[in-house]
């Protein structure tokens, strides 16, 4: 499979590259994706965004195609990782489905880390349909940035799961699946997004330190 085209933020000589994939329903250049990519790039890291075949088809053909089947999504990730590999650290991840697919290929691909924004631990309203089996044994260092009231996995839900020691969950106050809080909570979208970006930057900095050690 040929790797898709990249949307690039950040310096070419950055010490680490973060490949950021979109979620199931929206493209790579939404306000959420722009905020994350630009925030991480501003800290001196390179961020590559891409679109899975179905989303690229929506952009170029106008039809609202459903997400590709999982084998296609995983093969796309493998092609992207191969195309992006270089001398620096390589971290993969993304929003919801994009992050989940990244975590499924992380160990086999030998990347340095995974960052998931709003991990879909289970479908909304179906807490018994867990998508955590691989997270119980994943060896790649993984950061999950999760809203406390995310319907795909609330704080109450996730604290009961048995996850690998390589997985760290950073909770975003009163956040939903887009990490946004309710106005009545006293938290703001801007503050929550900054918290998520700062946590991702810290994770990338630690990946670089570990690689140099």
Protein backbone atom coordinates (compact mmCIF):
# COMPACT_ATOMS: atom_id res chain seq x y z
CA UNK A 1 0.00 0.00 0.00
CA UNK A 2 1.23 3.50 -0.87
CA UNK A 3 1.31 5.96 2.01
CA UNK A 4 -1.14 8.88 1.78
CA UNK A 5 -0.01 12.48 1.52
CA UNK A 6 0.93 14.24 4.74
CA UNK A 7 -0.21 17.53 6.20
CA UNK A 8 2.90 18.72 8.02
CA UNK A 9 3.45 21.05 11.00
CA UNK A 10 6.69 21.71 12.84
CA UNK A 11 10.40 21.71 11.97
CA UNK A 12 11.98 19.10 9.70
CA UNK A 13 14.88 18.62 12.13
CA UNK A 14 12.67 18.00 15.18
CA UNK A 15 13.94 15.40 17.70
CA UNK A 16 10.67 13.47 17.41
CA UNK A 17 7.86 13.09 14.92
CA UNK A 18 4.24 12.51 15.94
CA UNK A 19 1.89 10.99 13.36
CA UNK A 20 -1.65 12.14 14.18
CA UNK A 21 -4.60 10.26 12.66
CA UNK A 22 -8.20 11.46 12.54
CA UNK A 23 -11.24 9.79 14.09
CA UNK A 24 -13.99 7.91 12.31
CA UNK A 25 -16.27 10.79 11.45
CA UNK A 26 -14.18 13.87 10.70
CA UNK A 27 -11.11 14.68 8.56
CA UNK A 28 -7.55 15.56 9.50
CA UNK A 29 -8.03 19.35 9.49
CA UNK A 30 -10.87 19.95 11.96
CA UNK A 31 -10.49 22.62 14.63
CA UNK A 32 -9.65 19.89 17.16
CA UNK A 33 -6.96 18.33 14.97
CA UNK A 34 -5.52 21.74 14.07
CA UNK A 35 -5.30 22.74 17.73
CA UNK A 36 -3.47 19.55 18.69
CA UNK A 37 -1.09 19.58 15.72
CA UNK A 38 -0.24 23.25 15.96
CA UNK A 39 0.19 23.13 19.72
CA UNK A 40 2.62 20.21 19.58
CA UNK A 41 4.48 21.72 16.62
CA UNK A 42 4.89 24.99 18.53
CA UNK A 43 6.83 23.04 21.16
CA UNK A 44 9.40 22.04 18.52
CA UNK A 45 8.10 18.67 17.36
CA UNK A 46 7.12 17.61 13.85
CA UNK A 47 3.51 16.54 13.36
CA UNK A 48 2.32 14.58 10.34
CA UNK A 49 -1.37 14.19 9.59
CA UNK A 50 -2.93 11.91 6.98
CA UNK A 51 -6.31 10.55 5.98
CA UNK A 52 -7.41 6.95 5.69
CA UNK A 53 -8.62 5.95 2.19
CA UNK A 54 -12.32 6.38 2.96
CA UNK A 55 -11.81 9.89 4.33
CA UNK A 56 -9.60 10.89 1.41
CA UNK A 57 -12.38 9.60 -0.84
CA UNK A 58 -14.90 11.82 0.94
CA UNK A 59 -12.65 14.83 0.42
CA UNK A 60 -12.07 14.20 -3.28
CA UNK A 61 -15.31 12.55 -4.31
CA UNK A 62 -17.84 14.22 -2.07
CA UNK A 63 -19.57 10.99 -1.00
CA UNK A 64 -19.84 10.17 2.68
CA UNK A 65 -18.15 6.80 2.65
CA UNK A 66 -18.16 4.66 5.81
CA UNK A 67 -14.83 3.94 7.52
CA UNK A 68 -12.63 1.32 5.89
CA UNK A 69 -12.53 -2.14 7.41
CA UNK A 70 -9.92 -2.65 10.09
CA UNK A 71 -7.36 -4.49 7.87
CA UNK A 72 -7.29 -1.50 5.52
CA UNK A 73 -6.91 0.94 8.42
CA UNK A 74 -4.04 -1.08 9.88
CA UNK A 75 -2.29 -1.46 6.52
CA UNK A 76 -2.58 2.29 6.02
CA UNK A 77 -0.91 2.84 9.35
CA UNK A 78 1.90 0.45 8.43
CA UNK A 79 2.50 2.31 5.15
CA UNK A 80 2.47 5.66 6.94
CA UNK A 81 4.96 4.49 9.57
CA UNK A 82 7.29 3.12 6.89
CA UNK A 83 7.12 6.41 4.98
CA UNK A 84 7.74 8.55 8.06
CA UNK A 85 10.57 6.54 9.61
CA UNK A 86 13.76 8.54 10.01
CA UNK A 87 16.59 9.22 12.42
CA UNK A 88 14.49 10.73 15.21
CA UNK A 89 11.95 9.25 17.58
CA UNK A 90 8.63 8.25 16.05
CA UNK A 91 5.36 8.40 17.99
CA UNK A 92 1.99 7.41 16.53
CA UNK A 93 -1.56 8.06 17.60
CA UNK A 94 -4.64 10.09 16.96
CA UNK A 95 -8.20 10.95 17.75
CA UNK A 96 -10.50 8.08 18.77
CA UNK A 97 -10.43 5.44 16.00
CA UNK A 98 -7.16 6.80 14.58
CA UNK A 99 -5.46 6.38 17.96
CA UNK A 100 -6.95 2.95 18.51
CA UNK A 101 -5.63 1.70 15.15
CA UNK A 102 -2.21 3.17 15.94
CA UNK A 103 -2.11 1.28 19.24
CA UNK A 104 -2.88 -1.98 17.43
CA UNK A 105 0.25 -1.74 15.25
CA UNK A 106 2.58 -0.03 17.74
CA UNK A 107 4.40 -3.07 19.08
CA UNK A 108 4.88 -4.74 15.70
CA UNK A 109 6.09 -1.50 14.11
CA UNK A 110 8.72 -0.72 16.72
CA UNK A 111 7.65 2.90 17.20
CA UNK A 112 8.75 4.81 20.29
CA UNK A 113 5.34 5.66 21.68
CA UNK A 114 1.59 6.08 21.25
CA UNK A 115 -0.64 9.05 22.08
CA UNK A 116 -4.41 8.53 21.94
CA UNK A 117 -6.86 11.42 22.27
CA UNK A 118 -10.23 10.11 23.39
CA UNK A 119 -9.67 6.36 23.20
CA UNK A 120 -12.84 4.40 22.27
CA UNK A 121 -12.71 1.84 25.04
CA UNK A 122 -16.22 0.66 24.11
CA UNK A 123 -19.12 1.86 21.93
CA UNK A 124 -21.35 4.41 23.72
CA UNK A 125 -23.96 2.65 25.80
CA UNK A 126 -22.27 -0.73 25.36
CA UNK A 127 -19.70 -1.00 28.17
CA UNK A 128 -19.56 -4.78 27.79
CA UNK A 129 -18.05 -4.53 24.28
CA UNK A 130 -14.52 -3.67 25.37
CA UNK A 131 -11.70 -2.79 22.96
CA UNK A 132 -8.95 -3.27 25.52
CA UNK A 133 -7.52 -6.74 24.96
CA UNK A 134 -4.33 -5.49 23.27
CA UNK A 135 -3.95 -2.71 25.84
CA UNK A 136 -3.62 -5.32 28.55
CA UNK A 137 -0.31 -6.47 27.08
CA UNK A 138 1.00 -3.60 24.95
CA UNK A 139 4.72 -2.96 25.54
CA UNK A 140 5.04 0.37 23.73
CA UNK A 141 4.77 3.38 26.03
CA UNK A 142 1.23 4.70 25.58
CA UNK A 143 -0.46 7.91 26.73
CA UNK A 144 -4.25 8.12 26.64
CA UNK A 145 -5.77 11.58 27.04
CA UNK A 146 -9.35 10.89 28.10
CA UNK A 147 -12.26 13.12 29.04
CA UNK A 148 -13.65 12.23 32.44
CA UNK A 149 -17.18 11.81 31.03
CA UNK A 150 -16.30 10.41 27.61
CA UNK A 151 -19.17 8.08 26.60
CA UNK A 152 -16.59 5.80 24.96
CA UNK A 153 -14.99 5.28 28.39
CA UNK A 154 -15.61 7.41 31.47
CA UNK A 155 -13.24 7.73 34.40
CA UNK A 156 -15.43 5.34 36.36
CA UNK A 157 -15.34 2.82 33.52
CA UNK A 158 -11.63 2.93 32.81
CA UNK A 159 -10.36 2.75 36.37
CA UNK A 160 -11.84 -0.75 36.54
CA UNK A 161 -9.91 -2.00 33.50
CA UNK A 162 -6.74 -4.05 33.67
CA UNK A 163 -4.28 -2.22 31.42
CA UNK A 164 -0.58 -2.77 30.76
CA UNK A 165 1.92 -0.92 32.92
CA UNK A 166 3.04 0.78 29.71
CA UNK A 167 -0.30 2.62 29.51
CA UNK A 168 -0.83 5.96 31.26
CA UNK A 169 -4.26 7.59 31.30
CA UNK A 170 -4.29 11.37 31.77
CA UNK A 171 -7.74 12.63 32.72
CA UNK A 172 -9.10 15.81 31.17
CA UNK A 173 -11.51 17.56 33.61
CA UNK A 174 -15.19 17.02 32.79
CA UNK A 175 -14.21 16.35 29.17
CA UNK A 176 -16.40 14.61 26.61
CA UNK A 177 -15.10 12.62 23.62
CA UNK A 178 -13.68 15.87 22.20
CA UNK A 179 -12.22 16.71 25.65
CA UNK A 180 -14.67 19.62 25.98
CA UNK A 181 -16.19 20.34 29.43
CA UNK A 182 -19.65 21.60 30.30
CA UNK A 183 -19.85 25.32 31.01
CA UNK A 184 -21.25 24.67 34.48
CA UNK A 185 -18.14 22.64 35.39
CA UNK A 186 -15.96 25.73 35.70
CA UNK A 187 -13.50 24.34 33.16
CA UNK A 188 -13.02 25.65 29.62
CA UNK A 189 -12.40 24.09 26.23
CA UNK A 190 -9.23 26.15 25.86
CA UNK A 191 -7.83 25.04 29.22
CA UNK A 192 -8.66 21.40 28.53
CA UNK A 193 -7.06 21.47 25.10
CA UNK A 194 -3.96 23.13 26.55
CA UNK A 195 -3.79 20.44 29.22
CA UNK A 196 -3.97 17.74 26.56
CA UNK A 197 -1.33 19.38 24.36
CA UNK A 198 0.98 19.94 27.34
CA UNK A 199 0.66 16.29 28.37
CA UNK A 200 1.43 15.17 24.82
CA UNK A 201 4.47 17.45 24.64
CA UNK A 202 5.77 16.15 27.97
CA UNK A 203 5.33 12.58 26.71
CA UNK A 204 7.26 13.38 23.51
CA UNK A 205 10.04 15.04 25.50
CA UNK A 206 10.33 11.92 27.67
CA UNK A 207 10.44 9.69 24.58
CA UNK A 208 13.36 11.73 23.28
CA UNK A 209 15.16 11.53 26.64
CA UNK A 210 14.71 7.75 26.78
CA UNK A 211 15.98 7.36 23.23
CA UNK A 212 19.14 9.29 24.07
CA UNK A 213 19.78 7.41 27.32
